N, C-alpha and C. Protein backbone atom coordinates (compact mmCIF):
# COMPACT_ATOMS: atom_id res chain seq x y z
N MET A 1 16.66 2.44 -14.91
CA MET A 1 16.32 1.14 -15.40
C MET A 1 16.50 0.17 -14.28
N GLY A 2 15.60 -0.79 -14.12
CA GLY A 2 15.66 -1.79 -13.09
C GLY A 2 14.83 -2.97 -13.43
N ILE A 3 14.95 -4.00 -12.63
CA ILE A 3 14.18 -5.25 -12.80
C ILE A 3 13.64 -5.63 -11.46
N THR A 4 12.41 -6.07 -11.45
CA THR A 4 11.78 -6.53 -10.20
C THR A 4 10.92 -7.71 -10.46
N GLY A 5 10.54 -8.41 -9.40
CA GLY A 5 9.64 -9.56 -9.53
C GLY A 5 10.40 -10.88 -9.59
N PRO A 6 9.69 -11.97 -9.33
CA PRO A 6 10.30 -13.31 -9.40
C PRO A 6 10.59 -13.66 -10.85
N PRO A 7 11.46 -14.65 -11.11
CA PRO A 7 11.84 -14.98 -12.47
C PRO A 7 10.64 -15.26 -13.42
N GLU A 8 9.58 -15.82 -12.90
CA GLU A 8 8.44 -16.17 -13.76
C GLU A 8 7.54 -14.95 -14.06
N ARG A 9 7.79 -13.82 -13.38
CA ARG A 9 6.92 -12.66 -13.57
C ARG A 9 7.72 -11.37 -13.42
N ARG A 10 8.78 -11.25 -14.14
CA ARG A 10 9.66 -10.09 -14.02
C ARG A 10 9.07 -8.86 -14.71
N LEU A 11 9.43 -7.72 -14.20
CA LEU A 11 9.06 -6.40 -14.75
C LEU A 11 10.36 -5.64 -15.04
N ALA A 12 10.40 -4.97 -16.16
CA ALA A 12 11.51 -4.06 -16.49
C ALA A 12 11.07 -2.64 -16.27
N ASP A 13 11.81 -1.86 -15.52
CA ASP A 13 11.55 -0.45 -15.31
C ASP A 13 12.39 0.33 -16.33
N ILE A 14 11.74 0.98 -17.27
CA ILE A 14 12.46 1.76 -18.27
C ILE A 14 11.91 3.16 -18.17
N ASN A 15 12.76 4.10 -17.72
CA ASN A 15 12.35 5.48 -17.53
C ASN A 15 11.14 5.66 -16.65
N GLY A 16 11.05 4.83 -15.60
CA GLY A 16 9.94 4.95 -14.65
C GLY A 16 8.66 4.28 -15.08
N ILE A 17 8.65 3.59 -16.21
CA ILE A 17 7.46 2.84 -16.67
C ILE A 17 7.80 1.37 -16.63
N HIS A 18 6.88 0.54 -16.18
CA HIS A 18 7.13 -0.89 -16.00
C HIS A 18 6.52 -1.70 -17.09
N PHE A 19 7.34 -2.64 -17.62
CA PHE A 19 6.95 -3.46 -18.75
C PHE A 19 7.18 -4.93 -18.45
N LEU A 20 6.22 -5.74 -18.89
CA LEU A 20 6.34 -7.21 -18.89
C LEU A 20 7.10 -7.62 -20.14
N LYS A 21 7.54 -8.89 -20.18
CA LYS A 21 8.09 -9.45 -21.39
C LYS A 21 7.04 -9.34 -22.50
N GLY A 22 7.45 -8.82 -23.65
CA GLY A 22 6.50 -8.63 -24.75
C GLY A 22 5.95 -7.21 -24.80
N GLY A 23 6.15 -6.41 -23.72
CA GLY A 23 5.60 -5.05 -23.67
C GLY A 23 6.30 -4.13 -24.69
N GLN A 24 5.57 -3.11 -25.07
CA GLN A 24 6.13 -2.15 -26.02
C GLN A 24 5.99 -0.77 -25.44
N GLY A 25 6.87 0.16 -25.84
CA GLY A 25 6.81 1.51 -25.35
C GLY A 25 7.65 2.42 -26.15
N GLU A 26 7.72 3.67 -25.74
CA GLU A 26 8.56 4.63 -26.38
C GLU A 26 9.22 5.51 -25.36
N VAL A 27 10.41 6.02 -25.69
CA VAL A 27 11.15 6.91 -24.83
C VAL A 27 11.46 8.15 -25.67
N HIS A 28 11.24 9.31 -25.06
CA HIS A 28 11.54 10.53 -25.74
C HIS A 28 12.94 10.97 -25.37
N VAL A 29 13.78 11.19 -26.39
CA VAL A 29 15.16 11.61 -26.21
C VAL A 29 15.34 12.90 -27.02
N ALA A 30 16.51 13.56 -26.87
CA ALA A 30 16.78 14.81 -27.55
C ALA A 30 16.60 14.70 -29.05
N SER A 31 16.96 13.58 -29.64
CA SER A 31 16.90 13.44 -31.10
C SER A 31 15.54 12.97 -31.60
N GLY A 32 14.60 12.71 -30.69
CA GLY A 32 13.25 12.28 -31.12
C GLY A 32 12.72 11.19 -30.20
N THR A 33 11.86 10.36 -30.76
CA THR A 33 11.22 9.28 -30.04
C THR A 33 11.80 7.93 -30.45
N VAL A 34 12.14 7.16 -29.47
CA VAL A 34 12.69 5.81 -29.72
C VAL A 34 11.59 4.82 -29.28
N LYS A 35 11.16 3.95 -30.20
CA LYS A 35 10.20 2.93 -29.89
C LYS A 35 10.94 1.63 -29.59
N PHE A 36 10.41 0.82 -28.63
CA PHE A 36 11.09 -0.42 -28.33
C PHE A 36 10.07 -1.48 -27.96
N ARG A 37 10.56 -2.74 -27.98
CA ARG A 37 9.78 -3.87 -27.52
C ARG A 37 10.68 -4.69 -26.61
N VAL A 38 10.13 -5.14 -25.46
CA VAL A 38 10.89 -5.93 -24.48
C VAL A 38 10.73 -7.42 -24.88
N TRP A 39 11.85 -8.03 -25.30
CA TRP A 39 11.80 -9.45 -25.74
C TRP A 39 12.02 -10.39 -24.56
N ASP A 40 12.91 -10.00 -23.67
CA ASP A 40 13.18 -10.90 -22.52
C ASP A 40 13.73 -10.05 -21.36
N ILE A 41 13.45 -10.56 -20.14
CA ILE A 41 13.95 -9.87 -18.92
C ILE A 41 14.70 -10.93 -18.16
N ARG A 42 16.01 -10.72 -18.01
CA ARG A 42 16.89 -11.67 -17.29
C ARG A 42 17.35 -11.09 -15.98
N ASP A 43 18.21 -11.84 -15.30
CA ASP A 43 18.73 -11.39 -13.96
C ASP A 43 19.43 -10.04 -14.03
N ASP A 44 20.24 -9.83 -15.10
CA ASP A 44 21.09 -8.67 -15.16
C ASP A 44 20.85 -7.78 -16.40
N CYS A 45 19.93 -8.13 -17.24
CA CYS A 45 19.71 -7.32 -18.43
C CYS A 45 18.27 -7.49 -19.00
N VAL A 46 17.94 -6.55 -19.83
CA VAL A 46 16.66 -6.61 -20.56
C VAL A 46 17.00 -6.64 -22.04
N TRP A 47 16.39 -7.55 -22.81
CA TRP A 47 16.63 -7.60 -24.25
C TRP A 47 15.53 -6.82 -24.95
N LEU A 48 15.97 -5.86 -25.77
CA LEU A 48 15.02 -4.98 -26.46
C LEU A 48 15.27 -5.02 -27.97
N SER A 49 14.23 -4.78 -28.75
CA SER A 49 14.43 -4.37 -30.14
C SER A 49 14.06 -2.90 -30.16
N VAL A 50 14.85 -2.08 -30.87
CA VAL A 50 14.66 -0.66 -30.88
C VAL A 50 14.26 -0.17 -32.26
N ASN A 51 13.22 0.67 -32.32
CA ASN A 51 12.68 1.22 -33.58
C ASN A 51 12.44 0.10 -34.61
N ASN A 52 11.89 -0.99 -34.15
CA ASN A 52 11.47 -2.14 -34.97
C ASN A 52 12.63 -2.80 -35.71
N VAL A 53 13.87 -2.58 -35.29
CA VAL A 53 15.01 -3.30 -35.87
C VAL A 53 15.01 -4.65 -35.18
N PRO A 54 15.06 -5.78 -35.98
CA PRO A 54 14.87 -7.08 -35.37
C PRO A 54 15.98 -7.57 -34.45
N GLU A 55 17.19 -7.00 -34.53
CA GLU A 55 18.24 -7.51 -33.61
C GLU A 55 18.01 -7.02 -32.18
N ASN A 56 18.31 -7.89 -31.24
CA ASN A 56 18.11 -7.53 -29.81
C ASN A 56 19.23 -6.66 -29.30
N LYS A 57 18.91 -5.75 -28.43
CA LYS A 57 19.90 -4.93 -27.72
C LYS A 57 19.85 -5.31 -26.25
N ASP A 58 20.97 -5.50 -25.62
CA ASP A 58 21.03 -5.82 -24.17
C ASP A 58 21.18 -4.50 -23.41
N LEU A 59 20.37 -4.29 -22.42
CA LEU A 59 20.54 -3.19 -21.45
C LEU A 59 20.94 -3.84 -20.14
N PHE A 60 22.18 -3.70 -19.73
CA PHE A 60 22.67 -4.33 -18.52
C PHE A 60 22.49 -3.44 -17.30
N LEU A 61 22.15 -4.08 -16.21
CA LEU A 61 22.02 -3.36 -14.93
C LEU A 61 23.36 -3.07 -14.33
N PRO A 62 23.50 -2.01 -13.55
CA PRO A 62 24.74 -1.82 -12.79
C PRO A 62 24.92 -3.00 -11.83
N GLU A 63 26.17 -3.34 -11.52
CA GLU A 63 26.44 -4.54 -10.71
C GLU A 63 25.70 -4.53 -9.36
N ARG A 64 25.59 -3.39 -8.68
CA ARG A 64 24.90 -3.33 -7.42
C ARG A 64 23.44 -3.72 -7.57
N GLN A 65 22.80 -3.21 -8.64
CA GLN A 65 21.38 -3.47 -8.81
C GLN A 65 21.16 -4.97 -9.15
N ALA A 66 22.06 -5.56 -9.95
CA ALA A 66 21.93 -6.98 -10.28
C ALA A 66 22.02 -7.80 -9.00
N LYS A 67 22.88 -7.44 -8.07
CA LYS A 67 22.99 -8.15 -6.79
C LYS A 67 21.72 -7.95 -5.98
N ASP A 68 21.15 -6.73 -5.98
CA ASP A 68 19.93 -6.46 -5.26
C ASP A 68 18.76 -7.29 -5.80
N ASN A 69 18.74 -7.53 -7.11
CA ASN A 69 17.68 -8.28 -7.73
C ASN A 69 17.74 -9.76 -7.27
N VAL A 70 18.92 -10.30 -7.14
CA VAL A 70 19.07 -11.67 -6.63
C VAL A 70 18.56 -11.75 -5.21
N GLN A 71 18.89 -10.75 -4.37
CA GLN A 71 18.41 -10.71 -3.00
C GLN A 71 16.93 -10.62 -2.94
N SER A 72 16.33 -9.82 -3.84
CA SER A 72 14.89 -9.59 -3.82
C SER A 72 14.11 -10.86 -4.11
N ARG A 73 14.70 -11.77 -4.86
CA ARG A 73 13.98 -13.00 -5.16
C ARG A 73 14.09 -13.97 -4.01
N THR A 74 14.99 -13.75 -3.03
CA THR A 74 15.12 -14.66 -1.92
C THR A 74 14.53 -14.08 -0.64
N ASP A 75 14.17 -12.82 -0.59
CA ASP A 75 13.62 -12.19 0.60
C ASP A 75 12.16 -12.68 0.74
N PRO A 76 11.81 -13.32 1.86
CA PRO A 76 10.48 -13.86 2.02
C PRO A 76 9.35 -12.79 1.99
N LYS A 77 9.66 -11.58 2.44
CA LYS A 77 8.63 -10.53 2.41
C LYS A 77 8.38 -10.04 0.97
N ILE A 78 9.40 -10.05 0.16
CA ILE A 78 9.20 -9.67 -1.25
C ILE A 78 8.42 -10.76 -1.96
N THR A 79 8.74 -12.02 -1.66
CA THR A 79 7.96 -13.12 -2.20
C THR A 79 6.50 -13.03 -1.77
N GLN A 80 6.30 -12.69 -0.50
CA GLN A 80 4.91 -12.53 -0.01
C GLN A 80 4.17 -11.44 -0.71
N PHE A 81 4.90 -10.33 -0.97
CA PHE A 81 4.27 -9.21 -1.72
C PHE A 81 3.75 -9.73 -3.08
N HIS A 82 4.55 -10.45 -3.79
CA HIS A 82 4.13 -10.95 -5.10
C HIS A 82 2.96 -11.91 -4.99
N LEU A 83 2.96 -12.75 -3.99
CA LEU A 83 1.81 -13.69 -3.79
C LEU A 83 0.55 -12.88 -3.45
N ASP A 84 0.66 -11.88 -2.56
CA ASP A 84 -0.47 -11.07 -2.22
C ASP A 84 -1.00 -10.33 -3.47
N CYS A 85 -0.11 -9.86 -4.31
CA CYS A 85 -0.54 -9.12 -5.50
C CYS A 85 -1.30 -10.03 -6.45
N ASP A 86 -0.90 -11.32 -6.52
CA ASP A 86 -1.65 -12.25 -7.37
C ASP A 86 -3.11 -12.30 -6.97
N ARG A 87 -3.36 -12.35 -5.64
CA ARG A 87 -4.74 -12.40 -5.12
C ARG A 87 -5.47 -11.08 -5.36
N VAL A 88 -4.78 -9.97 -5.11
CA VAL A 88 -5.39 -8.66 -5.31
C VAL A 88 -5.72 -8.43 -6.78
N ILE A 89 -4.80 -8.73 -7.66
CA ILE A 89 -5.05 -8.54 -9.10
C ILE A 89 -6.20 -9.44 -9.55
N GLN A 90 -6.25 -10.67 -9.05
CA GLN A 90 -7.37 -11.55 -9.39
C GLN A 90 -8.68 -10.94 -8.93
N GLY A 91 -8.72 -10.40 -7.69
CA GLY A 91 -9.90 -9.74 -7.17
C GLY A 91 -10.31 -8.54 -8.01
N LEU A 92 -9.30 -7.76 -8.44
CA LEU A 92 -9.60 -6.56 -9.27
C LEU A 92 -10.15 -6.95 -10.61
N GLN A 93 -9.62 -8.03 -11.19
CA GLN A 93 -10.13 -8.52 -12.49
C GLN A 93 -11.54 -9.02 -12.35
N GLN A 94 -11.83 -9.74 -11.24
CA GLN A 94 -13.20 -10.21 -10.99
C GLN A 94 -14.17 -9.06 -10.78
N TYR A 95 -13.72 -8.05 -10.06
CA TYR A 95 -14.52 -6.86 -9.85
C TYR A 95 -14.90 -6.24 -11.20
N LYS A 96 -13.84 -6.09 -12.06
CA LYS A 96 -14.07 -5.46 -13.38
C LYS A 96 -15.02 -6.32 -14.21
N GLN A 97 -14.91 -7.61 -14.17
CA GLN A 97 -15.82 -8.46 -14.94
C GLN A 97 -17.26 -8.24 -14.49
N PHE A 98 -17.50 -8.14 -13.19
CA PHE A 98 -18.83 -7.98 -12.66
C PHE A 98 -19.39 -6.60 -12.90
N PHE A 99 -18.60 -5.55 -12.59
CA PHE A 99 -19.10 -4.18 -12.65
C PHE A 99 -18.71 -3.44 -13.96
N GLN A 100 -17.94 -4.08 -14.84
CA GLN A 100 -17.50 -3.53 -16.11
C GLN A 100 -16.58 -2.33 -15.92
N ARG A 101 -15.98 -2.22 -14.76
CA ARG A 101 -15.01 -1.16 -14.50
C ARG A 101 -14.19 -1.55 -13.26
N TYR A 102 -13.07 -0.93 -13.06
CA TYR A 102 -12.30 -1.14 -11.84
C TYR A 102 -12.90 -0.29 -10.71
N PRO A 103 -12.63 -0.66 -9.46
CA PRO A 103 -13.14 0.17 -8.36
C PRO A 103 -12.42 1.52 -8.35
N THR A 104 -13.09 2.49 -7.79
CA THR A 104 -12.52 3.84 -7.72
C THR A 104 -12.51 4.32 -6.27
N GLY A 105 -11.82 5.40 -6.03
CA GLY A 105 -11.80 5.98 -4.71
C GLY A 105 -10.42 5.92 -4.07
N THR A 106 -10.42 6.10 -2.75
CA THR A 106 -9.21 6.04 -1.99
C THR A 106 -8.74 4.59 -1.88
N ALA A 107 -7.51 4.41 -1.35
CA ALA A 107 -7.01 3.05 -1.16
C ALA A 107 -7.92 2.27 -0.25
N ALA A 108 -8.49 2.91 0.79
CA ALA A 108 -9.41 2.20 1.71
C ALA A 108 -10.68 1.82 0.97
N GLU A 109 -11.20 2.70 0.12
CA GLU A 109 -12.41 2.38 -0.64
C GLU A 109 -12.19 1.25 -1.63
N ILE A 110 -11.06 1.26 -2.26
CA ILE A 110 -10.75 0.17 -3.19
C ILE A 110 -10.55 -1.14 -2.41
N SER A 111 -9.88 -1.08 -1.26
CA SER A 111 -9.72 -2.29 -0.42
C SER A 111 -11.10 -2.84 -0.01
N LYS A 112 -12.01 -1.92 0.38
CA LYS A 112 -13.35 -2.36 0.79
C LYS A 112 -14.10 -2.99 -0.38
N ALA A 113 -13.97 -2.40 -1.57
CA ALA A 113 -14.63 -3.00 -2.74
C ALA A 113 -14.09 -4.38 -3.00
N LEU A 114 -12.80 -4.57 -2.82
CA LEU A 114 -12.17 -5.89 -3.07
C LEU A 114 -12.62 -6.92 -2.05
N SER A 115 -12.95 -6.48 -0.84
CA SER A 115 -13.38 -7.40 0.22
C SER A 115 -14.60 -8.19 -0.19
N SER A 116 -15.39 -7.67 -1.11
CA SER A 116 -16.58 -8.39 -1.55
C SER A 116 -16.23 -9.47 -2.56
N GLN A 117 -15.01 -9.52 -3.05
CA GLN A 117 -14.65 -10.45 -4.12
C GLN A 117 -14.31 -11.84 -3.54
N THR A 118 -13.50 -11.90 -2.54
CA THR A 118 -13.11 -13.20 -1.97
C THR A 118 -12.93 -13.07 -0.46
N GLU A 119 -13.11 -14.17 0.22
CA GLU A 119 -12.90 -14.18 1.69
C GLU A 119 -11.41 -13.86 2.01
N GLU A 120 -10.53 -14.32 1.12
CA GLU A 120 -9.09 -14.10 1.34
C GLU A 120 -8.79 -12.61 1.36
N LEU A 121 -9.41 -11.80 0.46
CA LEU A 121 -9.18 -10.39 0.47
C LEU A 121 -9.89 -9.67 1.59
N LYS A 122 -10.97 -10.22 2.06
CA LYS A 122 -11.75 -9.64 3.18
C LYS A 122 -10.88 -9.68 4.43
N SER A 123 -10.13 -10.77 4.60
CA SER A 123 -9.30 -10.90 5.81
C SER A 123 -7.84 -10.57 5.56
N GLY A 124 -7.54 -9.93 4.41
CA GLY A 124 -6.14 -9.58 4.06
C GLY A 124 -5.53 -8.63 5.07
N ASN A 125 -4.24 -8.40 4.92
CA ASN A 125 -3.52 -7.48 5.79
C ASN A 125 -3.96 -6.07 5.54
N LYS A 126 -4.60 -5.46 6.55
CA LYS A 126 -5.11 -4.09 6.44
C LYS A 126 -4.65 -3.29 7.63
N ASN A 127 -4.53 -1.97 7.42
CA ASN A 127 -4.23 -1.08 8.54
C ASN A 127 -5.54 -0.60 9.22
N GLU A 128 -5.41 0.31 10.18
CA GLU A 128 -6.61 0.78 10.89
C GLU A 128 -7.57 1.57 10.03
N LYS A 129 -7.10 2.09 8.87
CA LYS A 129 -7.94 2.81 7.94
C LYS A 129 -8.70 1.87 6.98
N GLY A 130 -8.33 0.57 7.02
CA GLY A 130 -8.93 -0.41 6.12
C GLY A 130 -8.22 -0.53 4.81
N GLU A 131 -7.02 0.04 4.70
CA GLU A 131 -6.22 -0.03 3.45
C GLU A 131 -5.44 -1.34 3.44
N LEU A 132 -5.38 -2.00 2.28
CA LEU A 132 -4.49 -3.16 2.15
C LEU A 132 -3.06 -2.67 2.28
N VAL A 133 -2.25 -3.43 3.04
CA VAL A 133 -0.86 -3.04 3.28
C VAL A 133 0.08 -4.11 2.77
N ASP A 134 1.29 -3.69 2.45
CA ASP A 134 2.31 -4.63 1.98
C ASP A 134 2.91 -5.37 3.21
N PRO A 135 3.80 -6.33 2.99
CA PRO A 135 4.37 -7.05 4.13
C PRO A 135 5.13 -6.21 5.17
N TRP A 136 5.46 -4.97 4.82
CA TRP A 136 6.13 -4.05 5.79
C TRP A 136 5.18 -3.15 6.48
N GLY A 137 3.86 -3.27 6.19
CA GLY A 137 2.84 -2.48 6.87
C GLY A 137 2.48 -1.16 6.21
N THR A 138 3.01 -0.89 5.00
CA THR A 138 2.74 0.38 4.30
C THR A 138 1.55 0.13 3.34
N PRO A 139 0.58 1.09 3.30
CA PRO A 139 -0.53 0.93 2.33
C PRO A 139 -0.02 0.81 0.91
N ILE A 140 -0.63 -0.10 0.16
CA ILE A 140 -0.23 -0.23 -1.25
C ILE A 140 -1.00 0.78 -2.10
N GLN A 141 -0.45 1.13 -3.23
CA GLN A 141 -1.09 2.10 -4.13
C GLN A 141 -1.60 1.32 -5.33
N PHE A 142 -2.75 1.78 -5.86
CA PHE A 142 -3.37 1.16 -7.03
C PHE A 142 -3.36 2.17 -8.19
N PHE A 143 -3.05 1.66 -9.39
CA PHE A 143 -3.10 2.47 -10.59
C PHE A 143 -3.84 1.67 -11.65
N PHE A 144 -4.75 2.33 -12.35
CA PHE A 144 -5.61 1.65 -13.30
C PHE A 144 -5.55 2.37 -14.64
N SER A 145 -5.63 1.57 -15.74
CA SER A 145 -5.95 2.11 -17.07
C SER A 145 -7.15 1.30 -17.54
N SER A 146 -7.50 1.42 -18.74
CA SER A 146 -8.72 0.69 -19.20
C SER A 146 -8.58 -0.82 -19.12
N ASN A 147 -7.38 -1.34 -19.31
CA ASN A 147 -7.18 -2.80 -19.25
C ASN A 147 -6.03 -3.26 -18.44
N THR A 148 -5.44 -2.39 -17.61
CA THR A 148 -4.28 -2.76 -16.83
C THR A 148 -4.42 -2.28 -15.39
N VAL A 149 -3.88 -3.12 -14.52
CA VAL A 149 -3.82 -2.83 -13.09
C VAL A 149 -2.33 -2.79 -12.73
N MET A 150 -1.93 -1.80 -11.94
CA MET A 150 -0.58 -1.79 -11.40
C MET A 150 -0.69 -1.55 -9.88
N ILE A 151 0.05 -2.38 -9.12
CA ILE A 151 0.07 -2.25 -7.66
C ILE A 151 1.52 -1.83 -7.29
N ARG A 152 1.61 -0.88 -6.37
CA ARG A 152 2.93 -0.39 -5.96
C ARG A 152 3.06 -0.50 -4.45
N SER A 153 4.20 -1.00 -4.03
CA SER A 153 4.55 -1.08 -2.64
C SER A 153 5.75 -0.15 -2.41
N ALA A 154 5.83 0.44 -1.23
CA ALA A 154 6.98 1.29 -0.89
C ALA A 154 8.23 0.44 -0.61
N GLY A 155 8.06 -0.86 -0.49
CA GLY A 155 9.22 -1.73 -0.26
C GLY A 155 9.71 -1.72 1.14
N PRO A 156 10.86 -2.41 1.37
CA PRO A 156 11.38 -2.55 2.73
C PRO A 156 11.68 -1.24 3.48
N ASN A 157 12.02 -0.15 2.78
CA ASN A 157 12.29 1.09 3.51
C ASN A 157 11.04 1.91 3.80
N ARG A 158 9.88 1.42 3.37
CA ARG A 158 8.58 2.03 3.65
C ARG A 158 8.40 3.44 3.15
N THR A 159 9.18 3.82 2.10
CA THR A 159 9.09 5.18 1.52
C THR A 159 8.89 5.04 0.04
N PHE A 160 7.87 5.69 -0.50
CA PHE A 160 7.66 5.71 -1.98
C PHE A 160 8.71 6.66 -2.56
N GLU A 161 9.42 6.15 -3.55
CA GLU A 161 10.55 6.92 -4.12
C GLU A 161 10.45 6.96 -5.63
N ASP A 162 11.18 7.87 -6.23
CA ASP A 162 11.30 7.97 -7.67
C ASP A 162 12.09 6.77 -8.11
N SER A 163 11.59 6.04 -9.12
CA SER A 163 12.24 4.81 -9.58
C SER A 163 13.61 5.04 -10.17
N LYS A 164 13.95 6.27 -10.47
CA LYS A 164 15.27 6.60 -11.03
C LYS A 164 16.33 6.71 -9.96
N SER A 165 15.91 6.79 -8.69
CA SER A 165 16.80 6.94 -7.57
C SER A 165 17.56 5.62 -7.35
N ALA A 166 18.86 5.75 -7.07
CA ALA A 166 19.70 4.55 -6.84
C ALA A 166 19.29 3.87 -5.55
N GLU A 167 18.64 4.54 -4.63
CA GLU A 167 18.22 3.99 -3.36
C GLU A 167 16.80 3.41 -3.39
N ALA A 168 16.09 3.59 -4.49
CA ALA A 168 14.68 3.16 -4.56
C ALA A 168 14.59 1.65 -4.42
N ASP A 169 13.64 1.21 -3.54
CA ASP A 169 13.41 -0.21 -3.39
C ASP A 169 11.90 -0.51 -3.54
N ASP A 170 11.14 0.41 -4.15
CA ASP A 170 9.73 0.19 -4.35
C ASP A 170 9.52 -1.05 -5.21
N LEU A 171 8.40 -1.70 -5.01
CA LEU A 171 8.05 -2.90 -5.77
C LEU A 171 6.77 -2.63 -6.56
N TYR A 172 6.70 -3.19 -7.77
CA TYR A 172 5.53 -2.99 -8.63
C TYR A 172 5.06 -4.36 -9.14
N ARG A 173 3.77 -4.45 -9.33
CA ARG A 173 3.20 -5.63 -10.01
C ARG A 173 2.10 -5.16 -10.94
N THR A 174 2.03 -5.77 -12.08
CA THR A 174 1.03 -5.40 -13.06
C THR A 174 0.53 -6.67 -13.77
N GLU A 175 -0.67 -6.56 -14.28
CA GLU A 175 -1.24 -7.66 -15.03
C GLU A 175 -2.12 -7.03 -16.07
N THR A 176 -2.03 -7.51 -17.32
CA THR A 176 -2.84 -6.95 -18.40
C THR A 176 -3.85 -8.02 -18.82
N LYS A 177 -5.09 -7.62 -18.96
CA LYS A 177 -6.13 -8.58 -19.45
C LYS A 177 -6.82 -7.96 -20.64
């Protein structure tokens, strides 16, 4: 479990899946399936209702991770990642409006498709392969569903990691339309 993003656009990581405030999901446990809804995402906890029970449950972060979250909101490269994602997500949504689908292909092919959307994306930070890169120079990853976009950065350590790892510093952004 973790929290990422600036206060106005936080994401909760629950079992490796990222949720915005208001998001719903389910977790499979030994005794069955637990359904939940994310009511609020704060600095050190996520408020959930579980199995449609109206009272909120607090899931608190370990102290180290809560401190890391405060640092992540003040790191200028993390702030830049979120600003860049706003532009990329806007370009992806515009692409979908025009073509009735999200772009497909490799990260370089998706980056090239986005270049046709705005001048800002055309001149965005790219590597020699033409892939959009995060503020640390690592290519970003794109994930699509029918109505959702998720962008993933390897973060400051430049390594994509399992979100359950205590050392993971990957960053995620999503937008649902």
